[in-house]
Amino acid sequence: MESSHSLTPVNIGSSDEGTVLSWAEEILSTVRELRAAGDVAPLPAGTPESTIEFVPAVVDDPPRRRPDTTLAKEVLGWDPRWTVKAGLEETVRYFAAQLEMAD
């Protein structure tokens, strides 16, 4: 894609901020809600629910995530159109469908 802007990267994403733990909890919650609603297939019998595993952080990995999307708005006229929750739901549905097709 050609662009007259090439000085720095342009962040695209939600400006919602959270810890890595809060995002992991939100993902697990979304998957469980979609399963309970029947939007995503239930786990096979005997399969344990997912859990959050804590591992040492990568060097220089920020403990909080919040992209600055100001440049995207200024240069591209871009604003996010989806909420984080709606994006997570759509992503979970997509991957669940991919797993069902693979079976």
N, C-alpha and C. Protein backbone atom coordinates (compact mmCIF):
# COMPACT_ATOMS: atom_id res chain seq x y z
N MET A 1 0.84 -1.17 0.00
CA MET A 1 0.00 0.00 0.00
C MET A 1 0.89 1.23 0.00
N GLU A 2 0.67 2.09 -0.94
CA GLU A 2 1.46 3.32 -1.00
C GLU A 2 0.90 4.34 -0.04
N SER A 3 1.80 5.11 0.55
CA SER A 3 1.39 6.12 1.50
C SER A 3 2.42 7.23 1.52
N SER A 4 1.95 8.44 1.77
CA SER A 4 2.87 9.56 1.91
C SER A 4 3.41 9.63 3.33
N HIS A 5 2.90 8.77 4.20
CA HIS A 5 3.34 8.77 5.58
C HIS A 5 4.27 7.58 5.81
N SER A 6 5.51 7.85 6.14
CA SER A 6 6.44 6.74 6.34
C SER A 6 7.40 6.99 7.49
N LEU A 7 7.11 7.94 8.34
CA LEU A 7 8.04 8.27 9.43
C LEU A 7 7.99 7.28 10.58
N THR A 8 6.81 6.83 10.93
CA THR A 8 6.65 5.91 12.06
C THR A 8 5.53 4.93 11.76
N PRO A 9 5.48 3.84 12.51
CA PRO A 9 4.36 2.91 12.36
C PRO A 9 3.05 3.57 12.78
N VAL A 10 1.96 3.11 12.23
CA VAL A 10 0.64 3.61 12.59
C VAL A 10 -0.10 2.48 13.30
N ASN A 11 -0.44 2.69 14.56
CA ASN A 11 -1.15 1.67 15.34
C ASN A 11 -2.61 1.61 14.94
N ILE A 12 -3.08 0.40 14.71
CA ILE A 12 -4.49 0.14 14.45
C ILE A 12 -4.96 -0.80 15.55
N GLY A 13 -6.00 -0.44 16.23
CA GLY A 13 -6.50 -1.29 17.30
C GLY A 13 -7.40 -0.50 18.22
N SER A 14 -7.77 -1.13 19.29
CA SER A 14 -8.61 -0.48 20.28
C SER A 14 -7.76 0.39 21.19
N SER A 15 -8.31 1.48 21.62
CA SER A 15 -7.58 2.30 22.59
C SER A 15 -7.94 1.89 24.02
N ASP A 16 -8.73 0.81 24.16
CA ASP A 16 -9.03 0.29 25.49
C ASP A 16 -7.75 -0.24 26.11
N GLU A 17 -7.55 0.08 27.38
CA GLU A 17 -6.33 -0.34 28.06
C GLU A 17 -6.65 -1.45 29.06
N GLY A 18 -5.71 -2.36 29.19
CA GLY A 18 -5.88 -3.41 30.18
C GLY A 18 -4.59 -4.15 30.39
N THR A 19 -4.53 -4.89 31.46
CA THR A 19 -3.37 -5.73 31.71
C THR A 19 -3.50 -6.99 30.86
N VAL A 20 -2.41 -7.69 30.69
CA VAL A 20 -2.44 -8.95 29.95
C VAL A 20 -3.40 -9.91 30.67
N LEU A 21 -3.38 -9.90 32.00
CA LEU A 21 -4.28 -10.74 32.77
C LEU A 21 -5.74 -10.37 32.50
N SER A 22 -6.05 -9.09 32.47
CA SER A 22 -7.45 -8.69 32.24
C SER A 22 -7.92 -9.11 30.85
N TRP A 23 -7.03 -9.06 29.85
CA TRP A 23 -7.41 -9.50 28.50
C TRP A 23 -7.62 -11.01 28.47
N ALA A 24 -6.76 -11.76 29.15
CA ALA A 24 -6.91 -13.22 29.20
C ALA A 24 -8.24 -13.58 29.87
N GLU A 25 -8.56 -12.90 30.96
CA GLU A 25 -9.83 -13.16 31.65
C GLU A 25 -11.02 -12.82 30.76
N GLU A 26 -10.92 -11.74 30.00
CA GLU A 26 -12.00 -11.34 29.10
C GLU A 26 -12.20 -12.38 27.99
N ILE A 27 -11.11 -12.91 27.47
CA ILE A 27 -11.19 -13.94 26.43
C ILE A 27 -11.88 -15.19 26.98
N LEU A 28 -11.42 -15.67 28.15
CA LEU A 28 -12.04 -16.85 28.76
C LEU A 28 -13.53 -16.61 29.03
N SER A 29 -13.86 -15.47 29.53
CA SER A 29 -15.26 -15.14 29.81
C SER A 29 -16.09 -15.15 28.53
N THR A 30 -15.56 -14.58 27.47
CA THR A 30 -16.28 -14.53 26.19
C THR A 30 -16.51 -15.93 25.64
N VAL A 31 -15.50 -16.78 25.68
CA VAL A 31 -15.65 -18.16 25.20
C VAL A 31 -16.73 -18.87 26.01
N ARG A 32 -16.69 -18.74 27.31
CA ARG A 32 -17.67 -19.42 28.17
C ARG A 32 -19.08 -18.91 27.91
N GLU A 33 -19.23 -17.59 27.73
CA GLU A 33 -20.55 -17.01 27.43
C GLU A 33 -21.10 -17.54 26.11
N LEU A 34 -20.24 -17.61 25.09
CA LEU A 34 -20.69 -18.08 23.78
C LEU A 34 -21.05 -19.57 23.82
N ARG A 35 -20.30 -20.35 24.59
CA ARG A 35 -20.65 -21.77 24.76
C ARG A 35 -21.99 -21.90 25.46
N ALA A 36 -22.19 -21.14 26.53
CA ALA A 36 -23.44 -21.21 27.30
C ALA A 36 -24.64 -20.81 26.44
N ALA A 37 -24.43 -19.86 25.53
CA ALA A 37 -25.51 -19.40 24.66
C ALA A 37 -25.73 -20.34 23.47
N GLY A 38 -24.84 -21.31 23.29
CA GLY A 38 -24.97 -22.22 22.16
C GLY A 38 -24.40 -21.68 20.86
N ASP A 39 -23.71 -20.56 20.92
CA ASP A 39 -23.10 -19.97 19.72
C ASP A 39 -21.81 -20.67 19.32
N VAL A 40 -21.20 -21.38 20.27
CA VAL A 40 -19.97 -22.12 20.05
C VAL A 40 -20.19 -23.52 20.62
N ALA A 41 -19.70 -24.52 19.92
CA ALA A 41 -19.89 -25.91 20.35
C ALA A 41 -19.35 -26.12 21.76
N PRO A 42 -20.02 -26.97 22.51
CA PRO A 42 -19.52 -27.26 23.86
C PRO A 42 -18.22 -28.05 23.79
N LEU A 43 -17.51 -28.06 24.89
CA LEU A 43 -16.29 -28.87 24.97
C LEU A 43 -16.65 -30.34 24.90
N PRO A 44 -15.82 -31.15 24.25
CA PRO A 44 -16.07 -32.59 24.27
C PRO A 44 -16.03 -33.10 25.72
N ALA A 45 -16.80 -34.14 25.99
CA ALA A 45 -16.85 -34.71 27.35
C ALA A 45 -15.45 -35.04 27.84
N GLY A 46 -15.18 -34.67 29.07
CA GLY A 46 -13.89 -34.97 29.68
C GLY A 46 -12.80 -33.95 29.40
N THR A 47 -13.09 -32.97 28.53
CA THR A 47 -12.10 -31.94 28.22
C THR A 47 -12.16 -30.85 29.29
N PRO A 48 -11.06 -30.54 29.94
CA PRO A 48 -11.09 -29.52 30.98
C PRO A 48 -11.24 -28.12 30.39
N GLU A 49 -11.84 -27.24 31.16
CA GLU A 49 -11.94 -25.83 30.77
C GLU A 49 -10.54 -25.23 30.68
N SER A 50 -10.39 -24.23 29.85
CA SER A 50 -9.11 -23.52 29.76
C SER A 50 -8.84 -22.76 31.04
N THR A 51 -7.57 -22.61 31.35
CA THR A 51 -7.16 -21.83 32.51
C THR A 51 -6.05 -20.87 32.06
N ILE A 52 -5.79 -19.91 32.87
CA ILE A 52 -4.73 -18.95 32.58
C ILE A 52 -3.44 -19.48 33.20
N GLU A 53 -2.41 -19.53 32.41
CA GLU A 53 -1.12 -20.01 32.89
C GLU A 53 -0.17 -18.82 33.01
N PHE A 54 0.47 -18.69 34.14
CA PHE A 54 1.40 -17.60 34.37
C PHE A 54 2.82 -18.06 34.06
N VAL A 55 3.49 -17.34 33.19
CA VAL A 55 4.87 -17.64 32.81
C VAL A 55 5.69 -16.35 32.94
N PRO A 56 7.00 -16.46 33.04
CA PRO A 56 7.81 -15.24 33.15
C PRO A 56 7.62 -14.35 31.92
N ALA A 57 7.61 -13.06 32.16
CA ALA A 57 7.44 -12.09 31.08
C ALA A 57 8.68 -12.07 30.19
N VAL A 58 8.44 -11.75 28.94
CA VAL A 58 9.53 -11.56 27.99
C VAL A 58 10.21 -10.23 28.32
N VAL A 59 11.50 -10.16 28.17
CA VAL A 59 12.23 -8.92 28.44
C VAL A 59 11.65 -7.79 27.59
N ASP A 60 11.43 -6.64 28.19
CA ASP A 60 10.90 -5.44 27.53
C ASP A 60 9.45 -5.58 27.11
N ASP A 61 8.74 -6.59 27.60
CA ASP A 61 7.33 -6.74 27.27
C ASP A 61 6.52 -5.82 28.18
N PRO A 62 5.74 -4.90 27.63
CA PRO A 62 4.99 -3.98 28.50
C PRO A 62 3.90 -4.72 29.28
N PRO A 63 3.74 -4.39 30.56
CA PRO A 63 2.72 -5.07 31.38
C PRO A 63 1.30 -4.63 31.05
N ARG A 64 1.15 -3.51 30.36
CA ARG A 64 -0.16 -3.00 29.97
C ARG A 64 -0.16 -2.77 28.47
N ARG A 65 -1.33 -2.91 27.87
CA ARG A 65 -1.46 -2.72 26.43
C ARG A 65 -2.47 -1.61 26.16
N ARG A 66 -2.06 -0.63 25.40
CA ARG A 66 -2.98 0.42 24.94
C ARG A 66 -2.32 1.14 23.78
N PRO A 67 -2.65 0.75 22.55
CA PRO A 67 -2.03 1.42 21.42
C PRO A 67 -2.53 2.86 21.30
N ASP A 68 -1.64 3.73 20.91
CA ASP A 68 -2.02 5.11 20.64
C ASP A 68 -2.46 5.18 19.18
N THR A 69 -3.75 5.34 18.96
CA THR A 69 -4.30 5.34 17.61
C THR A 69 -4.49 6.76 17.05
N THR A 70 -3.91 7.74 17.71
CA THR A 70 -4.04 9.13 17.27
C THR A 70 -3.57 9.31 15.84
N LEU A 71 -2.41 8.74 15.51
CA LEU A 71 -1.86 8.89 14.16
C LEU A 71 -2.78 8.26 13.11
N ALA A 72 -3.37 7.12 13.44
CA ALA A 72 -4.30 6.47 12.51
C ALA A 72 -5.48 7.39 12.21
N LYS A 73 -5.96 8.06 13.23
CA LYS A 73 -7.07 8.98 13.03
C LYS A 73 -6.64 10.18 12.20
N GLU A 74 -5.48 10.76 12.52
CA GLU A 74 -5.00 11.95 11.82
C GLU A 74 -4.62 11.66 10.37
N VAL A 75 -3.88 10.59 10.15
CA VAL A 75 -3.34 10.30 8.81
C VAL A 75 -4.34 9.54 7.93
N LEU A 76 -5.03 8.59 8.53
CA LEU A 76 -5.90 7.71 7.75
C LEU A 76 -7.39 8.01 7.92
N GLY A 77 -7.72 8.86 8.90
CA GLY A 77 -9.13 9.10 9.20
C GLY A 77 -9.79 7.87 9.79
N TRP A 78 -8.99 7.03 10.47
CA TRP A 78 -9.46 5.74 10.98
C TRP A 78 -9.83 5.81 12.45
N ASP A 79 -10.96 5.22 12.78
CA ASP A 79 -11.39 5.00 14.16
C ASP A 79 -11.90 3.58 14.25
N PRO A 80 -11.71 2.91 15.39
CA PRO A 80 -12.27 1.56 15.51
C PRO A 80 -13.79 1.60 15.44
N ARG A 81 -14.37 0.63 14.73
CA ARG A 81 -15.82 0.56 14.61
C ARG A 81 -16.42 -0.53 15.48
N TRP A 82 -15.59 -1.39 16.01
CA TRP A 82 -16.05 -2.50 16.84
C TRP A 82 -15.59 -2.30 18.27
N THR A 83 -16.40 -2.71 19.20
CA THR A 83 -15.95 -2.73 20.59
C THR A 83 -15.03 -3.93 20.76
N VAL A 84 -14.25 -3.92 21.80
CA VAL A 84 -13.38 -5.06 22.10
C VAL A 84 -14.23 -6.32 22.27
N LYS A 85 -15.32 -6.22 23.00
CA LYS A 85 -16.18 -7.37 23.25
C LYS A 85 -16.72 -7.94 21.94
N ALA A 86 -17.22 -7.09 21.06
CA ALA A 86 -17.75 -7.56 19.78
C ALA A 86 -16.65 -8.20 18.94
N GLY A 87 -15.46 -7.63 18.97
CA GLY A 87 -14.34 -8.19 18.22
C GLY A 87 -13.92 -9.55 18.76
N LEU A 88 -13.90 -9.69 20.09
CA LEU A 88 -13.57 -10.99 20.69
C LEU A 88 -14.63 -12.03 20.33
N GLU A 89 -15.89 -11.65 20.41
CA GLU A 89 -16.96 -12.59 20.07
C GLU A 89 -16.83 -13.08 18.63
N GLU A 90 -16.59 -12.16 17.72
CA GLU A 90 -16.45 -12.53 16.30
C GLU A 90 -15.23 -13.41 16.09
N THR A 91 -14.14 -13.10 16.77
CA THR A 91 -12.92 -13.90 16.64
C THR A 91 -13.13 -15.32 17.18
N VAL A 92 -13.77 -15.45 18.33
CA VAL A 92 -14.03 -16.76 18.91
C VAL A 92 -14.94 -17.57 17.99
N ARG A 93 -15.99 -16.93 17.46
CA ARG A 93 -16.88 -17.64 16.53
C ARG A 93 -16.13 -18.12 15.29
N TYR A 94 -15.26 -17.28 14.76
CA TYR A 94 -14.49 -17.65 13.57
C TYR A 94 -13.63 -18.88 13.84
N PHE A 95 -12.84 -18.84 14.91
CA PHE A 95 -11.95 -19.96 15.19
C PHE A 95 -12.72 -21.22 15.58
N ALA A 96 -13.84 -21.08 16.26
CA ALA A 96 -14.66 -22.24 16.58
C ALA A 96 -15.16 -22.89 15.28
N ALA A 97 -15.57 -22.08 14.31
CA ALA A 97 -16.03 -22.61 13.03
C ALA A 97 -14.88 -23.30 12.30
N GLN A 98 -13.68 -22.75 12.37
CA GLN A 98 -12.51 -23.37 11.73
C GLN A 98 -12.22 -24.73 12.35
N LEU A 99 -12.34 -24.82 13.67
CA LEU A 99 -12.10 -26.10 14.35
C LEU A 99 -13.16 -27.13 13.97
N GLU A 100 -14.41 -26.69 13.85
CA GLU A 100 -15.48 -27.61 13.45
C GLU A 100 -15.25 -28.14 12.04
N MET A 101 -14.77 -27.29 11.14
CA MET A 101 -14.51 -27.71 9.76
C MET A 101 -13.35 -28.70 9.70
N ALA A 102 -12.40 -28.56 10.62
CA ALA A 102 -11.22 -29.43 10.62
C ALA A 102 -11.54 -30.84 11.13
N ASP A 103 -12.64 -30.97 11.86
CA ASP A 103 -13.01 -32.29 12.41
C ASP A 103 -13.59 -33.21 11.35
